[in-house]
Amino acid sequence: MLDYVDTGLSANSVPYSEGLSLQRAVHQAVVSGQRPDTVILLEHEPVYTAGKRTSPEERPTDGTPVVDVDRGGKITWHGPGQLVGYPILRLVEPIDVVGYVRRLEGVLIDVLAEFGIDGTRVDGRSGVWIVRDGVEEKIAAIGIRVAEGVTMHGFALNCSNSLEPYRKIIACGIRDAGVTTMSRVLDRTVTPADVADVVRARLDAEFARAVAA
């Protein structure tokens, strides 16, 4: 079983700087063996974050602040209504970063299936997607970092968040696809709190095997 830190669901959105500080503290504790593999689940206050591969033209052009972070991937948005998960896990040797990302995708696909949503992978693109009538829309983004054999950062699953903030950026560097949410797909409100228990169960099922194997 993984340890969980739930800090900021629903009305208690967490500033990104606080979430990042918590991540770093937990990461060091896992690296040193002072705590077990841990997953932080939260909602952030509205923020744009840019991974190391973000290009200047993908950023907001209206002066909106962007936080540059040390994860992979490109620019994205976090905010209320989006379930953010930071799995801080010690990976087995030899470390397979791509394999770890694929496992996260699989977890999220299974979570969506429990809500009756057909999530999928798209060749050449990370994250989880909804494909309807030939149109690809991203429903979950993944951006990670591995330091000293332990993961940081993680995934963002769009539950009931607004899609308006994505209009200011080229989300994840992808120009020819859209973004969606669980609530939009199901035509009813599904909040991060509604989804969190399913995410925990699926992470336990996957990473009890994947990390300890």
N, C-alpha and C. Protein backbone atom coordinates (compact mmCIF):
# COMPACT_ATOMS: atom_id res chain seq x y z
N MET A 1 0.83 -1.20 0.00
CA MET A 1 0.00 0.00 0.00
C MET A 1 0.87 1.25 0.00
N LEU A 2 0.40 2.25 -0.69
CA LEU A 2 1.08 3.53 -0.70
C LEU A 2 0.56 4.40 0.43
N ASP A 3 1.40 5.34 0.86
CA ASP A 3 0.96 6.35 1.81
C ASP A 3 0.38 7.53 1.02
N TYR A 4 -0.66 8.16 1.58
CA TYR A 4 -1.30 9.26 0.87
C TYR A 4 -1.31 10.51 1.73
N VAL A 5 -1.08 11.64 1.06
CA VAL A 5 -1.22 12.95 1.69
C VAL A 5 -2.27 13.71 0.89
N ASP A 6 -3.43 13.91 1.47
CA ASP A 6 -4.50 14.67 0.81
C ASP A 6 -4.48 16.08 1.39
N THR A 7 -4.10 17.04 0.57
CA THR A 7 -3.96 18.39 1.08
C THR A 7 -4.56 19.37 0.10
N GLY A 8 -5.83 19.64 0.26
CA GLY A 8 -6.43 20.65 -0.58
C GLY A 8 -7.32 20.12 -1.67
N LEU A 9 -8.41 19.47 -1.30
CA LEU A 9 -9.44 19.13 -2.27
C LEU A 9 -10.64 20.02 -2.02
N SER A 10 -11.37 20.29 -3.10
CA SER A 10 -12.57 21.14 -3.04
C SER A 10 -12.22 22.56 -2.64
N ALA A 11 -12.68 23.01 -1.47
CA ALA A 11 -12.56 24.43 -1.11
C ALA A 11 -11.16 24.82 -0.66
N ASN A 12 -10.26 23.86 -0.54
CA ASN A 12 -8.94 24.15 0.03
C ASN A 12 -7.82 24.04 -1.01
N SER A 13 -7.98 24.70 -2.13
CA SER A 13 -6.97 24.65 -3.18
C SER A 13 -5.62 25.15 -2.66
N VAL A 14 -4.55 24.52 -3.12
CA VAL A 14 -3.21 24.76 -2.60
C VAL A 14 -2.41 25.62 -3.58
N PRO A 15 -1.78 26.71 -3.11
CA PRO A 15 -0.88 27.46 -3.99
C PRO A 15 0.21 26.54 -4.54
N TYR A 16 0.61 26.77 -5.79
CA TYR A 16 1.58 25.86 -6.40
C TYR A 16 2.89 25.82 -5.62
N SER A 17 3.33 26.96 -5.11
CA SER A 17 4.60 27.00 -4.37
C SER A 17 4.55 26.11 -3.13
N GLU A 18 3.40 26.09 -2.46
CA GLU A 18 3.25 25.22 -1.28
C GLU A 18 3.28 23.75 -1.68
N GLY A 19 2.59 23.43 -2.77
CA GLY A 19 2.59 22.04 -3.23
C GLY A 19 3.97 21.58 -3.64
N LEU A 20 4.74 22.47 -4.28
CA LEU A 20 6.09 22.11 -4.70
C LEU A 20 7.00 21.92 -3.49
N SER A 21 6.87 22.77 -2.49
CA SER A 21 7.68 22.61 -1.27
C SER A 21 7.36 21.29 -0.58
N LEU A 22 6.07 20.95 -0.52
CA LEU A 22 5.68 19.67 0.08
C LEU A 22 6.24 18.51 -0.71
N GLN A 23 6.15 18.59 -2.02
CA GLN A 23 6.73 17.54 -2.86
C GLN A 23 8.21 17.31 -2.55
N ARG A 24 8.94 18.41 -2.51
CA ARG A 24 10.39 18.29 -2.29
C ARG A 24 10.71 17.69 -0.93
N ALA A 25 9.94 18.08 0.09
CA ALA A 25 10.16 17.53 1.43
C ALA A 25 9.87 16.03 1.47
N VAL A 26 8.75 15.65 0.86
CA VAL A 26 8.40 14.23 0.84
C VAL A 26 9.40 13.45 -0.01
N HIS A 27 9.83 14.03 -1.12
CA HIS A 27 10.82 13.36 -1.97
C HIS A 27 12.09 13.06 -1.20
N GLN A 28 12.60 14.03 -0.46
CA GLN A 28 13.81 13.81 0.32
C GLN A 28 13.61 12.74 1.39
N ALA A 29 12.41 12.72 1.97
CA ALA A 29 12.13 11.72 3.00
C ALA A 29 12.06 10.32 2.40
N VAL A 30 11.51 10.19 1.19
CA VAL A 30 11.47 8.89 0.53
C VAL A 30 12.88 8.47 0.10
N VAL A 31 13.65 9.41 -0.45
CA VAL A 31 15.04 9.11 -0.85
C VAL A 31 15.84 8.60 0.33
N SER A 32 15.68 9.24 1.49
CA SER A 32 16.47 8.88 2.67
C SER A 32 15.93 7.66 3.41
N GLY A 33 14.75 7.18 2.99
CA GLY A 33 14.16 6.03 3.66
C GLY A 33 13.38 6.36 4.91
N GLN A 34 13.12 7.65 5.13
CA GLN A 34 12.41 8.06 6.33
C GLN A 34 10.89 7.91 6.21
N ARG A 35 10.40 7.75 4.97
CA ARG A 35 8.97 7.51 4.80
C ARG A 35 8.76 6.60 3.59
N PRO A 36 7.64 5.91 3.52
CA PRO A 36 7.38 5.01 2.39
C PRO A 36 6.99 5.78 1.14
N ASP A 37 6.87 5.07 0.04
CA ASP A 37 6.36 5.67 -1.18
C ASP A 37 5.05 6.38 -0.88
N THR A 38 4.92 7.60 -1.40
CA THR A 38 3.82 8.48 -1.00
C THR A 38 3.21 9.15 -2.23
N VAL A 39 1.90 9.34 -2.19
CA VAL A 39 1.21 10.07 -3.24
C VAL A 39 0.52 11.28 -2.62
N ILE A 40 0.78 12.46 -3.17
CA ILE A 40 0.12 13.69 -2.75
C ILE A 40 -1.03 13.95 -3.73
N LEU A 41 -2.24 14.13 -3.19
CA LEU A 41 -3.40 14.46 -4.02
C LEU A 41 -3.93 15.83 -3.60
N LEU A 42 -4.20 16.68 -4.58
CA LEU A 42 -4.66 18.03 -4.25
C LEU A 42 -5.28 18.70 -5.47
N GLU A 43 -5.86 19.86 -5.22
CA GLU A 43 -6.22 20.81 -6.26
C GLU A 43 -5.38 22.05 -6.04
N HIS A 44 -4.89 22.62 -7.13
CA HIS A 44 -4.08 23.84 -7.02
C HIS A 44 -4.94 25.09 -7.23
N GLU A 45 -4.48 26.18 -6.65
CA GLU A 45 -4.98 27.48 -7.08
C GLU A 45 -4.55 27.67 -8.54
N PRO A 46 -5.27 28.51 -9.31
CA PRO A 46 -4.97 28.64 -10.74
C PRO A 46 -3.51 29.04 -11.00
N VAL A 47 -2.85 28.30 -11.91
CA VAL A 47 -1.45 28.55 -12.20
C VAL A 47 -1.08 27.89 -13.53
N TYR A 48 -0.22 28.56 -14.29
CA TYR A 48 0.41 27.93 -15.44
C TYR A 48 1.80 27.46 -15.02
N THR A 49 2.14 26.23 -15.41
CA THR A 49 3.50 25.73 -15.14
C THR A 49 4.10 25.26 -16.46
N ALA A 50 5.40 25.51 -16.61
CA ALA A 50 6.08 25.19 -17.86
C ALA A 50 7.21 24.21 -17.59
N GLY A 51 7.14 23.05 -18.25
CA GLY A 51 8.23 22.09 -18.18
C GLY A 51 9.41 22.53 -19.01
N LYS A 52 10.46 21.71 -18.98
CA LYS A 52 11.73 22.11 -19.56
C LYS A 52 11.71 22.24 -21.08
N ARG A 53 10.74 21.65 -21.74
CA ARG A 53 10.70 21.67 -23.21
C ARG A 53 9.74 22.72 -23.77
N THR A 54 9.25 23.61 -22.91
CA THR A 54 8.29 24.63 -23.36
C THR A 54 8.97 25.66 -24.26
N SER A 55 8.35 25.94 -25.39
CA SER A 55 8.86 26.95 -26.33
C SER A 55 8.23 28.31 -26.02
N PRO A 56 8.93 29.40 -26.35
CA PRO A 56 8.40 30.74 -26.05
C PRO A 56 7.01 30.99 -26.65
N GLU A 57 6.76 30.49 -27.85
CA GLU A 57 5.49 30.77 -28.51
C GLU A 57 4.32 30.00 -27.88
N GLU A 58 4.61 29.04 -27.00
CA GLU A 58 3.55 28.27 -26.35
C GLU A 58 3.06 28.93 -25.06
N ARG A 59 3.76 29.97 -24.62
CA ARG A 59 3.40 30.65 -23.38
C ARG A 59 2.32 31.70 -23.61
N PRO A 60 1.66 32.16 -22.53
CA PRO A 60 0.67 33.23 -22.68
C PRO A 60 1.32 34.48 -23.27
N THR A 61 0.55 35.19 -24.08
CA THR A 61 1.08 36.40 -24.70
C THR A 61 0.57 37.67 -24.02
N ASP A 62 -0.18 37.51 -22.93
CA ASP A 62 -0.78 38.68 -22.27
C ASP A 62 -0.10 39.01 -20.95
N GLY A 63 1.07 38.42 -20.71
CA GLY A 63 1.79 38.71 -19.48
C GLY A 63 1.38 37.86 -18.29
N THR A 64 0.49 36.90 -18.49
CA THR A 64 0.08 36.01 -17.39
C THR A 64 1.31 35.30 -16.83
N PRO A 65 1.50 35.30 -15.51
CA PRO A 65 2.68 34.65 -14.93
C PRO A 65 2.71 33.15 -15.21
N VAL A 66 3.91 32.63 -15.39
CA VAL A 66 4.14 31.20 -15.60
C VAL A 66 5.24 30.75 -14.64
N VAL A 67 5.03 29.62 -13.98
CA VAL A 67 6.04 29.05 -13.09
C VAL A 67 6.84 28.00 -13.87
N ASP A 68 8.14 28.22 -14.01
CA ASP A 68 9.00 27.24 -14.67
C ASP A 68 9.39 26.15 -13.66
N VAL A 69 9.20 24.89 -14.06
CA VAL A 69 9.43 23.78 -13.15
C VAL A 69 10.38 22.77 -13.79
N ASP A 70 10.91 21.86 -12.95
CA ASP A 70 11.95 20.94 -13.39
C ASP A 70 11.40 19.58 -13.83
N ARG A 71 10.14 19.54 -14.25
CA ARG A 71 9.59 18.29 -14.78
C ARG A 71 9.78 18.24 -16.29
N GLY A 72 9.49 17.08 -16.86
CA GLY A 72 9.45 16.96 -18.29
C GLY A 72 8.17 17.58 -18.83
N GLY A 73 8.06 17.56 -20.15
CA GLY A 73 6.85 18.06 -20.77
C GLY A 73 6.90 19.56 -21.04
N LYS A 74 5.74 20.11 -21.39
CA LYS A 74 5.66 21.51 -21.78
C LYS A 74 4.73 22.28 -20.85
N ILE A 75 4.11 23.33 -21.36
CA ILE A 75 3.29 24.19 -20.51
C ILE A 75 1.90 23.59 -20.32
N THR A 76 1.35 23.75 -19.13
CA THR A 76 -0.02 23.35 -18.86
C THR A 76 -0.61 24.27 -17.80
N TRP A 77 -1.85 24.02 -17.47
CA TRP A 77 -2.55 24.80 -16.45
C TRP A 77 -3.01 23.89 -15.35
N HIS A 78 -2.98 24.37 -14.10
CA HIS A 78 -3.59 23.69 -12.97
C HIS A 78 -4.55 24.65 -12.28
N GLY A 79 -5.61 24.09 -11.71
CA GLY A 79 -6.55 24.93 -10.99
C GLY A 79 -7.68 24.14 -10.39
N PRO A 80 -8.59 24.81 -9.70
CA PRO A 80 -9.72 24.15 -9.05
C PRO A 80 -10.53 23.32 -10.04
N GLY A 81 -10.97 22.16 -9.57
CA GLY A 81 -11.72 21.24 -10.41
C GLY A 81 -10.85 20.21 -11.11
N GLN A 82 -9.55 20.33 -10.96
CA GLN A 82 -8.60 19.40 -11.57
C GLN A 82 -7.90 18.62 -10.46
N LEU A 83 -7.93 17.30 -10.54
CA LEU A 83 -7.25 16.47 -9.53
C LEU A 83 -5.80 16.29 -9.94
N VAL A 84 -4.90 16.81 -9.11
CA VAL A 84 -3.46 16.69 -9.35
C VAL A 84 -2.90 15.63 -8.41
N GLY A 85 -2.11 14.73 -8.98
CA GLY A 85 -1.47 13.69 -8.18
C GLY A 85 0.03 13.71 -8.36
N TYR A 86 0.73 13.70 -7.24
CA TYR A 86 2.19 13.65 -7.25
C TYR A 86 2.64 12.35 -6.62
N PRO A 87 2.80 11.28 -7.40
CA PRO A 87 3.35 10.03 -6.85
C PRO A 87 4.86 10.18 -6.61
N ILE A 88 5.27 9.96 -5.40
CA ILE A 88 6.69 10.05 -5.04
C ILE A 88 7.12 8.64 -4.66
N LEU A 89 7.66 7.95 -5.66
CA LEU A 89 7.88 6.51 -5.58
C LEU A 89 9.31 6.17 -5.94
N ARG A 90 9.86 5.19 -5.22
CA ARG A 90 11.19 4.69 -5.57
C ARG A 90 11.03 3.64 -6.67
N LEU A 91 11.63 3.89 -7.82
CA LEU A 91 11.52 2.97 -8.94
C LEU A 91 12.60 1.89 -8.85
N VAL A 92 12.27 0.72 -9.38
CA VAL A 92 13.24 -0.38 -9.37
C VAL A 92 14.28 -0.14 -10.47
N GLU A 93 15.45 -0.72 -10.28
CA GLU A 93 16.51 -0.66 -11.28
C GLU A 93 16.32 -1.80 -12.28
N PRO A 94 16.67 -1.61 -13.55
CA PRO A 94 17.06 -0.34 -14.17
C PRO A 94 15.83 0.55 -14.35
N ILE A 95 16.00 1.82 -14.10
CA ILE A 95 14.87 2.76 -14.12
C ILE A 95 14.38 2.95 -15.56
N ASP A 96 13.10 2.76 -15.74
CA ASP A 96 12.44 2.89 -17.05
C ASP A 96 11.43 4.03 -16.95
N VAL A 97 11.87 5.23 -17.34
CA VAL A 97 11.02 6.41 -17.20
C VAL A 97 9.80 6.31 -18.10
N VAL A 98 10.00 5.89 -19.34
CA VAL A 98 8.87 5.76 -20.26
C VAL A 98 7.88 4.72 -19.74
N GLY A 99 8.40 3.62 -19.23
CA GLY A 99 7.52 2.60 -18.67
C GLY A 99 6.71 3.12 -17.50
N TYR A 100 7.32 3.95 -16.68
CA TYR A 100 6.59 4.55 -15.54
C TYR A 100 5.47 5.46 -16.04
N VAL A 101 5.75 6.28 -17.04
CA VAL A 101 4.71 7.15 -17.60
C VAL A 101 3.57 6.31 -18.16
N ARG A 102 3.90 5.22 -18.84
CA ARG A 102 2.85 4.36 -19.39
C ARG A 102 2.00 3.76 -18.27
N ARG A 103 2.60 3.43 -17.15
CA ARG A 103 1.83 2.89 -16.02
C ARG A 103 0.88 3.94 -15.46
N LEU A 104 1.36 5.19 -15.35
CA LEU A 104 0.47 6.26 -14.91
C LEU A 104 -0.70 6.42 -15.88
N GLU A 105 -0.41 6.39 -17.16
CA GLU A 105 -1.49 6.48 -18.15
C GLU A 105 -2.49 5.35 -17.95
N GLY A 106 -1.99 4.14 -17.72
CA GLY A 106 -2.87 3.00 -17.51
C GLY A 106 -3.76 3.16 -16.30
N VAL A 107 -3.20 3.70 -15.23
CA VAL A 107 -3.99 3.96 -14.03
C VAL A 107 -5.14 4.90 -14.34
N LEU A 108 -4.84 5.98 -15.04
CA LEU A 108 -5.87 6.98 -15.33
C LEU A 108 -6.90 6.45 -16.32
N ILE A 109 -6.49 5.64 -17.27
CA ILE A 109 -7.44 5.00 -18.18
C ILE A 109 -8.40 4.12 -17.39
N ASP A 110 -7.87 3.36 -16.42
CA ASP A 110 -8.73 2.51 -15.58
C ASP A 110 -9.68 3.35 -14.72
N VAL A 111 -9.19 4.47 -14.20
CA VAL A 111 -10.05 5.36 -13.40
C VAL A 111 -11.21 5.86 -14.26
N LEU A 112 -10.90 6.33 -15.45
CA LEU A 112 -11.94 6.85 -16.33
C LEU A 112 -12.95 5.75 -16.67
N ALA A 113 -12.47 4.54 -16.87
CA ALA A 113 -13.37 3.43 -17.22
C ALA A 113 -14.39 3.19 -16.11
N GLU A 114 -13.99 3.39 -14.87
CA GLU A 114 -14.93 3.19 -13.76
C GLU A 114 -16.06 4.21 -13.78
N PHE A 115 -15.84 5.31 -14.48
CA PHE A 115 -16.88 6.33 -14.62
C PHE A 115 -17.58 6.23 -15.98
N GLY A 116 -17.28 5.18 -16.72
CA GLY A 116 -17.92 4.99 -18.01
C GLY A 116 -17.33 5.82 -19.13
N ILE A 117 -16.07 6.26 -18.97
CA ILE A 117 -15.40 7.07 -19.98
C ILE A 117 -14.31 6.23 -20.64
N ASP A 118 -14.26 6.26 -21.95
CA ASP A 118 -13.30 5.47 -22.71
C ASP A 118 -12.05 6.30 -22.98
N GLY A 119 -11.13 6.30 -22.02
CA GLY A 119 -9.86 6.99 -22.19
C GLY A 119 -8.90 6.13 -22.97
N THR A 120 -7.95 6.77 -23.65
CA THR A 120 -7.01 6.01 -24.48
C THR A 120 -5.68 6.73 -24.56
N ARG A 121 -4.68 6.04 -25.08
CA ARG A 121 -3.41 6.65 -25.43
C ARG A 121 -3.46 7.07 -26.90
N VAL A 122 -2.64 8.06 -27.23
CA VAL A 122 -2.48 8.49 -28.61
C VAL A 122 -1.00 8.37 -28.95
N ASP A 123 -0.69 7.67 -30.03
CA ASP A 123 0.70 7.44 -30.41
C ASP A 123 1.47 8.75 -30.51
N GLY A 124 2.64 8.78 -29.87
CA GLY A 124 3.51 9.94 -29.94
C GLY A 124 3.15 11.05 -28.99
N ARG A 125 2.09 10.86 -28.16
CA ARG A 125 1.67 11.91 -27.24
C ARG A 125 1.45 11.29 -25.87
N SER A 126 1.99 11.94 -24.84
CA SER A 126 1.80 11.43 -23.49
C SER A 126 0.43 11.84 -22.96
N GLY A 127 0.06 11.27 -21.83
CA GLY A 127 -1.21 11.61 -21.21
C GLY A 127 -2.32 10.69 -21.66
N VAL A 128 -3.54 11.05 -21.29
CA VAL A 128 -4.72 10.26 -21.61
C VAL A 128 -5.68 11.11 -22.42
N TRP A 129 -6.33 10.49 -23.38
CA TRP A 129 -7.11 11.20 -24.38
C TRP A 129 -8.50 10.62 -24.52
N ILE A 130 -9.41 11.44 -24.99
CA ILE A 130 -10.73 11.03 -25.43
C ILE A 130 -10.78 11.25 -26.94
N VAL A 131 -11.13 10.22 -27.68
CA VAL A 131 -11.23 10.35 -29.13
C VAL A 131 -12.67 10.07 -29.53
N ARG A 132 -13.34 11.10 -30.05
CA ARG A 132 -14.73 10.97 -30.48
C ARG A 132 -14.89 11.58 -31.86
N ASP A 133 -15.45 10.80 -32.77
CA ASP A 133 -15.66 11.26 -34.16
C ASP A 133 -14.36 11.75 -34.77
N GLY A 134 -13.26 11.06 -34.43
CA GLY A 134 -11.97 11.40 -34.99
C GLY A 134 -11.28 12.60 -34.36
N VAL A 135 -11.92 13.21 -33.36
CA VAL A 135 -11.35 14.39 -32.70
C VAL A 135 -10.67 13.96 -31.40
N GLU A 136 -9.41 14.36 -31.23
CA GLU A 136 -8.65 14.02 -30.03
C GLU A 136 -8.72 15.17 -29.02
N GLU A 137 -9.10 14.83 -27.78
CA GLU A 137 -9.13 15.82 -26.70
C GLU A 137 -8.41 15.24 -25.48
N LYS A 138 -7.52 16.01 -24.92
CA LYS A 138 -6.74 15.54 -23.78
C LYS A 138 -7.54 15.72 -22.50
N ILE A 139 -7.60 14.67 -21.70
CA ILE A 139 -8.34 14.73 -20.44
C ILE A 139 -7.41 14.61 -19.24
N ALA A 140 -6.19 14.14 -19.44
CA ALA A 140 -5.22 14.04 -18.34
C ALA A 140 -3.81 14.26 -18.88
N ALA A 141 -3.07 15.13 -18.21
CA ALA A 141 -1.68 15.43 -18.58
C ALA A 141 -0.73 14.76 -17.60
N ILE A 142 0.44 14.38 -18.10
CA ILE A 142 1.47 13.76 -17.27
C ILE A 142 2.80 14.44 -17.55
N GLY A 143 3.50 14.81 -16.46
CA GLY A 143 4.84 15.36 -16.57
C GLY A 143 5.61 14.96 -15.32
N ILE A 144 6.73 14.30 -15.48
CA ILE A 144 7.42 13.73 -14.31
C ILE A 144 8.91 14.07 -14.31
N ARG A 145 9.51 13.81 -13.17
CA ARG A 145 10.96 13.89 -13.01
C ARG A 145 11.38 12.75 -12.11
N VAL A 146 12.55 12.18 -12.36
CA VAL A 146 13.11 11.16 -11.48
C VAL A 146 14.46 11.67 -10.99
N ALA A 147 14.61 11.76 -9.67
CA ALA A 147 15.86 12.21 -9.05
C ALA A 147 16.24 11.23 -7.95
N GLU A 148 17.47 10.76 -7.98
CA GLU A 148 17.96 9.78 -7.01
C GLU A 148 17.07 8.54 -6.95
N GLY A 149 16.54 8.19 -8.12
CA GLY A 149 15.74 6.98 -8.22
C GLY A 149 14.31 7.12 -7.75
N VAL A 150 13.89 8.34 -7.38
CA VAL A 150 12.55 8.57 -6.83
C VAL A 150 11.82 9.59 -7.71
N THR A 151 10.55 9.32 -8.00
CA THR A 151 9.78 10.16 -8.90
C THR A 151 9.29 11.43 -8.21
N MET A 152 9.03 12.45 -9.03
CA MET A 152 8.39 13.69 -8.60
C MET A 152 7.40 14.12 -9.68
N HIS A 153 6.61 15.13 -9.35
CA HIS A 153 5.57 15.64 -10.25
C HIS A 153 4.62 14.48 -10.56
N GLY A 154 3.88 14.52 -11.67
CA GLY A 154 2.95 13.43 -11.88
C GLY A 154 1.87 13.74 -12.89
N PHE A 155 0.60 13.72 -12.46
CA PHE A 155 -0.50 13.82 -13.41
C PHE A 155 -1.52 14.87 -12.97
N ALA A 156 -2.29 15.33 -13.95
CA ALA A 156 -3.40 16.25 -13.71
C ALA A 156 -4.60 15.74 -14.48
N LEU A 157 -5.66 15.35 -13.77
CA LEU A 157 -6.86 14.80 -14.38
C LEU A 157 -7.96 15.85 -14.36
N ASN A 158 -8.44 16.22 -15.53
CA ASN A 158 -9.48 17.24 -15.63
C ASN A 158 -10.83 16.65 -15.22
N CYS A 159 -11.36 17.13 -14.11
CA CYS A 159 -12.63 16.63 -13.59
C CYS A 159 -13.76 17.62 -13.85
N SER A 160 -13.74 18.75 -13.17
CA SER A 160 -14.82 19.74 -13.30
C SER A 160 -14.27 21.14 -13.51
N ASN A 161 -13.03 21.26 -13.93
CA ASN A 161 -12.38 22.56 -14.09
C ASN A 161 -12.86 23.28 -15.35
N SER A 162 -12.66 24.58 -15.34
CA SER A 162 -12.91 25.39 -16.52
C SER A 162 -11.87 25.08 -17.59
N LEU A 163 -12.28 25.19 -18.84
CA LEU A 163 -11.34 25.02 -19.95
C LEU A 163 -10.86 26.36 -20.51
N GLU A 164 -11.41 27.46 -20.00
CA GLU A 164 -11.05 28.79 -20.49
C GLU A 164 -9.56 29.08 -20.38
N PRO A 165 -8.87 28.71 -19.27
CA PRO A 165 -7.45 29.05 -19.16
C PRO A 165 -6.59 28.45 -20.26
N TYR A 166 -7.03 27.35 -20.87
CA TYR A 166 -6.23 26.72 -21.92
C TYR A 166 -6.20 27.57 -23.19
N ARG A 167 -7.12 28.51 -23.31
CA ARG A 167 -7.16 29.33 -24.51
C ARG A 167 -5.96 30.27 -24.62
N LYS A 168 -5.29 30.52 -23.50
CA LYS A 168 -4.17 31.46 -23.49
C LYS A 168 -2.84 30.80 -23.85
N ILE A 169 -2.81 29.47 -23.92
CA ILE A 169 -1.56 28.77 -24.13
C ILE A 169 -1.74 27.72 -25.22
N ILE A 170 -0.62 27.16 -25.66
CA ILE A 170 -0.66 25.95 -26.48
C ILE A 170 -0.39 24.80 -25.53
N ALA A 171 -1.47 24.24 -25.00
CA ALA A 171 -1.34 23.27 -23.90
C ALA A 171 -0.54 22.05 -24.32
N CYS A 172 0.49 21.75 -23.52
CA CYS A 172 1.36 20.60 -23.76
C CYS A 172 2.05 20.66 -25.13
N GLY A 173 2.07 21.86 -25.72
CA GLY A 173 2.73 22.04 -27.02
C GLY A 173 1.96 21.47 -28.19
N ILE A 174 0.67 21.16 -28.00
CA ILE A 174 -0.11 20.48 -29.03
C ILE A 174 -1.10 21.46 -29.66
N ARG A 175 -0.93 21.69 -30.94
CA ARG A 175 -1.75 22.68 -31.64
C ARG A 175 -3.00 22.09 -32.30
N ASP A 176 -2.99 20.79 -32.57
CA ASP A 176 -4.04 20.21 -33.40
C ASP A 176 -4.99 19.31 -32.62
N ALA A 177 -5.14 19.55 -31.32
CA ALA A 177 -6.08 18.77 -30.51
C ALA A 177 -6.64 19.66 -29.42
N GLY A 178 -7.74 19.21 -28.82
CA GLY A 178 -8.40 20.00 -27.80
C GLY A 178 -8.17 19.46 -26.40
N VAL A 179 -8.92 20.02 -25.46
CA VAL A 179 -8.86 19.63 -24.06
C VAL A 179 -10.29 19.41 -23.58
N THR A 180 -10.49 18.45 -22.69
CA THR A 180 -11.83 18.20 -22.18
C THR A 180 -11.75 17.83 -20.70
N THR A 181 -12.92 17.60 -20.09
CA THR A 181 -13.01 17.22 -18.69
C THR A 181 -13.97 16.04 -18.55
N MET A 182 -13.88 15.35 -17.42
CA MET A 182 -14.82 14.27 -17.13
C MET A 182 -16.25 14.79 -17.11
N SER A 183 -16.46 15.95 -16.51
CA SER A 183 -17.81 16.52 -16.41
C SER A 183 -18.38 16.81 -17.79
N ARG A 184 -17.55 17.31 -18.67
CA ARG A 184 -18.01 17.63 -20.03
C ARG A 184 -18.36 16.36 -20.80
N VAL A 185 -17.54 15.33 -20.66
CA VAL A 185 -17.80 14.08 -21.36
C VAL A 185 -19.09 13.43 -20.87
N LEU A 186 -19.32 13.46 -19.55
CA LEU A 186 -20.47 12.78 -18.96
C LEU A 186 -21.71 13.66 -18.90
N ASP A 187 -21.56 14.93 -19.16
CA ASP A 187 -22.67 15.89 -19.07
C ASP A 187 -23.27 15.93 -17.67
N ARG A 188 -22.41 15.82 -16.67
CA ARG A 188 -22.79 15.98 -15.26
C ARG A 188 -21.52 16.34 -14.49
N THR A 189 -21.69 16.93 -13.33
CA THR A 189 -20.53 17.39 -12.57
C THR A 189 -19.85 16.22 -11.86
N VAL A 190 -18.56 16.07 -12.11
CA VAL A 190 -17.71 15.08 -11.42
C VAL A 190 -16.53 15.85 -10.86
N THR A 191 -16.43 15.92 -9.55
CA THR A 191 -15.38 16.72 -8.90
C THR A 191 -14.16 15.86 -8.57
N PRO A 192 -13.03 16.50 -8.27
CA PRO A 192 -11.87 15.75 -7.81
C PRO A 192 -12.17 14.88 -6.58
N ALA A 193 -12.98 15.39 -5.66
CA ALA A 193 -13.33 14.60 -4.47
C ALA A 193 -14.10 13.34 -4.86
N ASP A 194 -14.90 13.41 -5.92
CA ASP A 194 -15.63 12.24 -6.40
C ASP A 194 -14.70 11.17 -6.95
N VAL A 195 -13.56 11.59 -7.45
CA VAL A 195 -12.66 10.71 -8.19
C VAL A 195 -11.52 10.19 -7.31
N ALA A 196 -11.20 10.88 -6.23
CA ALA A 196 -9.98 10.62 -5.46
C ALA A 196 -9.88 9.19 -4.95
N ASP A 197 -10.96 8.63 -4.43
CA ASP A 197 -10.90 7.27 -3.89
C ASP A 197 -10.60 6.24 -4.97
N VAL A 198 -11.16 6.45 -6.16
CA VAL A 198 -10.90 5.53 -7.26
C VAL A 198 -9.43 5.63 -7.69
N VAL A 199 -8.91 6.85 -7.72
CA VAL A 199 -7.50 7.04 -8.06
C VAL A 199 -6.60 6.33 -7.05
N ARG A 200 -6.90 6.47 -5.77
CA ARG A 200 -6.11 5.79 -4.74
C ARG A 200 -6.10 4.27 -4.96
N ALA A 201 -7.27 3.71 -5.19
CA ALA A 201 -7.38 2.27 -5.35
C ALA A 201 -6.60 1.79 -6.57
N ARG A 202 -6.67 2.54 -7.65
CA ARG A 202 -5.97 2.13 -8.87
C ARG A 202 -4.45 2.30 -8.74
N LEU A 203 -4.02 3.37 -8.07
CA LEU A 203 -2.58 3.53 -7.83
C LEU A 203 -2.06 2.41 -6.94
N ASP A 204 -2.79 2.05 -5.90
CA ASP A 204 -2.38 0.94 -5.03
C ASP A 204 -2.24 -0.34 -5.83
N ALA A 205 -3.24 -0.62 -6.66
CA ALA A 205 -3.23 -1.86 -7.43
C ALA A 205 -2.05 -1.92 -8.41
N GLU A 206 -1.72 -0.79 -9.01
CA GLU A 206 -0.66 -0.78 -10.01
C GLU A 206 0.73 -0.72 -9.39
N PHE A 207 0.93 0.18 -8.44
CA PHE A 207 2.30 0.43 -7.99
C PHE A 207 2.74 -0.43 -6.83
N ALA A 208 1.82 -1.12 -6.19
CA ALA A 208 2.25 -2.17 -5.27
C ALA A 208 3.02 -3.23 -6.05
N ARG A 209 2.61 -3.46 -7.31
CA ARG A 209 3.33 -4.40 -8.18
C ARG A 209 4.51 -3.73 -8.84
N ALA A 210 4.26 -2.55 -9.43
CA ALA A 210 5.26 -1.96 -10.33
C ALA A 210 6.53 -1.53 -9.59
N VAL A 211 6.38 -0.98 -8.38
CA VAL A 211 7.56 -0.47 -7.67
C VAL A 211 8.28 -1.61 -6.95
N ALA A 212 7.52 -2.57 -6.45
CA ALA A 212 8.13 -3.64 -5.65
C ALA A 212 8.60 -4.81 -6.50
N ALA A 213 8.26 -4.80 -7.79
CA ALA A 213 8.57 -5.96 -8.64
C ALA A 213 10.08 -6.15 -8.75
